[in-house]
Amino acid sequence: MVRVTIFAACLMFAPIFTSGAMAQAAPVNPVSQEPFYAELIAKAQTLKATTEGFAATPRLSLLTDPAFEAYGREIAELTELNLKAHYDLKARGTDNDLKCVLMGVALDLPIRFEGIRVATTEQDLKDALEDMAFLLEDNVDVIRTPATVDSGLDCVIEFGQSE
């Protein structure tokens, strides 16, 4: 009976073990291959790595370090790139969902940065840095992932007339 149970368990998990070898590369959004969007992705990935480094050993002294000032400038530059991407997609008249998500990321980056800047404990700092790292990961993923359907998301409804 034990052998049958082990055999059944092996059969049940067999697809998990073999699927990795047979898995094909995930499709990529063609826009992510364009130089501007590739730069945006690279910048977000670099900032994510920096953020994760800060989060690994969160110290409040980071907030007065010149490296943190440089980090803040990089976050501001990424915010501008996301806005530029939003306006680029708007001008093209394509990919409404990505256009709106990029606007949302651009609005959220300064808020997340402020959350880091005002942290008063190392745990608060770690949590705020982790939140920023997740946002930066999302920034990369939404550009790389091809849209499957257009949800019809309307940026005006989502963010107001300032789009």
Protein backbone atom coordinates (compact mmCIF):
# COMPACT_ATOMS: atom_id res chain seq x y z
CA MET A 1 0.00 0.00 0.00
CA VAL A 2 2.84 2.41 0.79
CA ARG A 3 4.44 1.74 -2.61
CA VAL A 4 1.17 2.50 -4.37
CA THR A 5 0.81 5.76 -2.46
CA ILE A 6 4.36 6.84 -3.30
CA PHE A 7 3.85 5.86 -6.94
CA ALA A 8 0.58 7.78 -7.08
CA ALA A 9 2.24 10.81 -5.51
CA CYS A 10 5.04 10.65 -8.08
CA LEU A 11 2.52 10.51 -10.92
CA MET A 12 0.61 13.41 -9.45
CA PHE A 13 3.72 15.62 -9.35
CA ALA A 14 5.31 14.37 -12.59
CA PRO A 15 3.99 17.28 -14.68
CA ILE A 16 5.59 19.74 -12.27
CA PHE A 17 8.99 18.12 -12.60
CA THR A 18 8.90 17.79 -16.38
CA SER A 19 7.19 21.04 -17.26
CA GLY A 20 10.32 23.10 -16.60
CA ALA A 21 12.30 21.24 -19.23
CA MET A 22 9.52 21.58 -21.78
CA ALA A 23 8.51 25.13 -20.93
CA GLN A 24 9.05 27.65 -23.67
CA ALA A 25 10.03 31.25 -23.18
CA ALA A 26 7.14 33.48 -22.23
CA PRO A 27 5.96 35.82 -24.96
CA VAL A 28 7.35 39.35 -24.80
CA ASN A 29 5.57 42.57 -25.60
CA PRO A 30 7.21 43.97 -28.76
CA VAL A 31 7.21 47.48 -27.26
CA SER A 32 9.67 46.24 -24.61
CA GLN A 33 12.22 45.64 -27.37
CA GLU A 34 12.21 49.27 -28.49
CA PRO A 35 15.28 51.19 -27.24
CA PHE A 36 13.33 53.67 -25.10
CA TYR A 37 11.31 50.96 -23.35
CA ALA A 38 14.37 48.72 -22.98
CA GLU A 39 16.11 51.65 -21.23
CA LEU A 40 13.11 52.11 -18.95
CA ILE A 41 13.19 48.40 -18.07
CA ALA A 42 16.95 48.47 -17.42
CA LYS A 43 16.63 51.51 -15.15
CA ALA A 44 13.78 49.92 -13.17
CA GLN A 45 15.77 46.68 -12.80
CA THR A 46 18.86 48.54 -11.58
CA LEU A 47 16.79 50.51 -9.08
CA LYS A 48 15.10 47.33 -7.90
CA ALA A 49 18.50 45.75 -7.22
CA THR A 50 19.63 48.87 -5.34
CA THR A 51 16.38 48.92 -3.36
CA GLU A 52 16.73 45.26 -2.43
CA GLY A 53 20.31 45.96 -1.33
CA PHE A 54 19.11 48.74 0.95
CA ALA A 55 16.31 46.51 2.29
CA ALA A 56 18.72 43.67 3.09
CA THR A 57 20.33 45.77 5.84
CA PRO A 58 17.96 48.63 6.57
CA ARG A 59 19.60 51.39 8.58
CA LEU A 60 18.05 54.78 9.21
CA SER A 61 21.44 56.36 8.51
CA LEU A 62 20.75 55.52 4.85
CA LEU A 63 18.30 58.42 4.73
CA THR A 64 21.11 60.97 5.20
CA ASP A 65 23.63 59.19 3.00
CA PRO A 66 24.61 60.78 -0.35
CA ALA A 67 23.83 57.41 -1.97
CA PHE A 68 20.21 57.87 -0.89
CA GLU A 69 20.10 61.33 -2.48
CA ALA A 70 21.37 59.81 -5.74
CA TYR A 71 18.77 57.03 -5.38
CA GLY A 72 16.05 59.67 -5.02
CA ARG A 73 17.20 61.37 -8.22
CA GLU A 74 17.14 58.02 -10.04
CA ILE A 75 13.58 57.37 -8.81
CA ALA A 76 12.58 60.84 -10.08
CA GLU A 77 14.17 60.08 -13.47
CA LEU A 78 12.31 56.76 -13.65
CA THR A 79 9.09 58.59 -12.82
CA GLU A 80 9.71 60.91 -15.79
CA LEU A 81 10.48 57.96 -18.08
CA ASN A 82 7.21 56.29 -17.10
CA LEU A 83 5.31 59.51 -17.84
CA LYS A 84 7.10 59.84 -21.16
CA ALA A 85 6.15 56.24 -21.99
CA HIS A 86 2.55 56.96 -21.01
CA TYR A 87 2.43 59.94 -23.38
CA ASP A 88 4.17 57.97 -26.13
CA LEU A 89 1.57 55.22 -25.98
CA LYS A 90 -1.20 57.81 -25.78
CA ALA A 91 0.13 59.48 -28.96
CA ARG A 92 0.27 56.11 -30.72
CA GLY A 93 -3.31 55.42 -29.74
CA THR A 94 -2.44 51.88 -28.69
CA ASP A 95 -2.29 49.72 -25.60
CA ASN A 96 -4.61 51.66 -23.32
CA ASP A 97 -3.98 49.36 -20.38
CA LEU A 98 -0.19 49.73 -20.44
CA LYS A 99 -0.58 53.47 -20.97
CA CYS A 100 -2.68 53.70 -17.82
CA VAL A 101 -0.49 51.38 -15.77
CA LEU A 102 2.57 53.45 -16.62
CA MET A 103 0.72 56.57 -15.48
CA GLY A 104 -0.14 54.76 -12.24
CA VAL A 105 3.48 53.72 -11.69
CA ALA A 106 4.62 57.30 -12.35
CA LEU A 107 2.18 58.55 -9.75
CA ASP A 108 3.08 55.84 -7.24
CA LEU A 109 6.90 56.05 -7.41
CA PRO A 110 7.15 59.42 -5.58
CA ILE A 111 4.64 58.24 -2.98
CA ARG A 112 6.66 55.09 -2.31
CA PHE A 113 9.87 57.13 -2.19
CA GLU A 114 8.31 59.47 0.35
CA GLY A 115 7.34 56.43 2.42
CA ILE A 116 11.00 55.42 2.49
CA ARG A 117 12.17 58.96 3.26
CA VAL A 118 9.87 59.38 6.29
CA ALA A 119 10.55 55.97 7.87
CA THR A 120 11.28 56.32 11.58
CA THR A 121 12.26 52.74 12.42
CA GLU A 122 14.42 50.24 10.62
CA GLN A 123 11.39 47.95 10.24
CA ASP A 124 9.38 50.79 8.67
CA LEU A 125 12.31 51.47 6.37
CA LYS A 126 12.57 47.81 5.40
CA ASP A 127 8.83 47.61 4.70
CA ALA A 128 8.89 50.79 2.62
CA LEU A 129 11.91 49.58 0.65
CA GLU A 130 10.23 46.24 -0.01
CA ASP A 131 7.11 48.06 -1.24
CA MET A 132 9.29 50.06 -3.63
CA ALA A 133 11.04 46.90 -4.85
CA PHE A 134 7.65 45.32 -5.66
CA LEU A 135 6.58 48.43 -7.57
CA LEU A 136 9.84 48.44 -9.54
CA GLU A 137 9.35 44.76 -10.39
CA ASP A 138 5.82 45.53 -11.55
CA ASN A 139 7.20 48.38 -13.65
CA VAL A 140 9.36 45.89 -15.55
CA ASP A 141 6.73 43.16 -15.80
CA VAL A 142 3.94 45.33 -17.20
CA ILE A 143 6.14 46.52 -20.05
CA ARG A 144 7.46 43.08 -20.91
CA THR A 145 4.16 41.21 -20.75
CA PRO A 146 2.07 41.38 -23.90
CA ALA A 147 -1.51 42.47 -23.48
CA THR A 148 -3.97 39.64 -23.93
CA VAL A 149 -7.04 41.82 -24.03
CA ASP A 150 -7.69 45.50 -23.79
CA SER A 151 -9.77 46.02 -20.68
CA GLY A 152 -10.87 49.39 -21.98
CA LEU A 153 -9.35 51.03 -18.91
CA ASP A 154 -9.85 54.74 -19.21
CA CYS A 155 -7.05 56.81 -17.70
CA VAL A 156 -9.35 59.82 -17.32
CA ILE A 157 -11.67 57.80 -15.10
CA GLU A 158 -8.70 56.33 -13.25
CA PHE A 159 -6.56 59.46 -12.81
CA GLY A 160 -8.62 62.48 -13.85
CA GLN A 161 -8.13 64.93 -16.71
CA SER A 162 -4.36 65.31 -16.17
CA GLU A 163 -3.52 62.32 -18.39
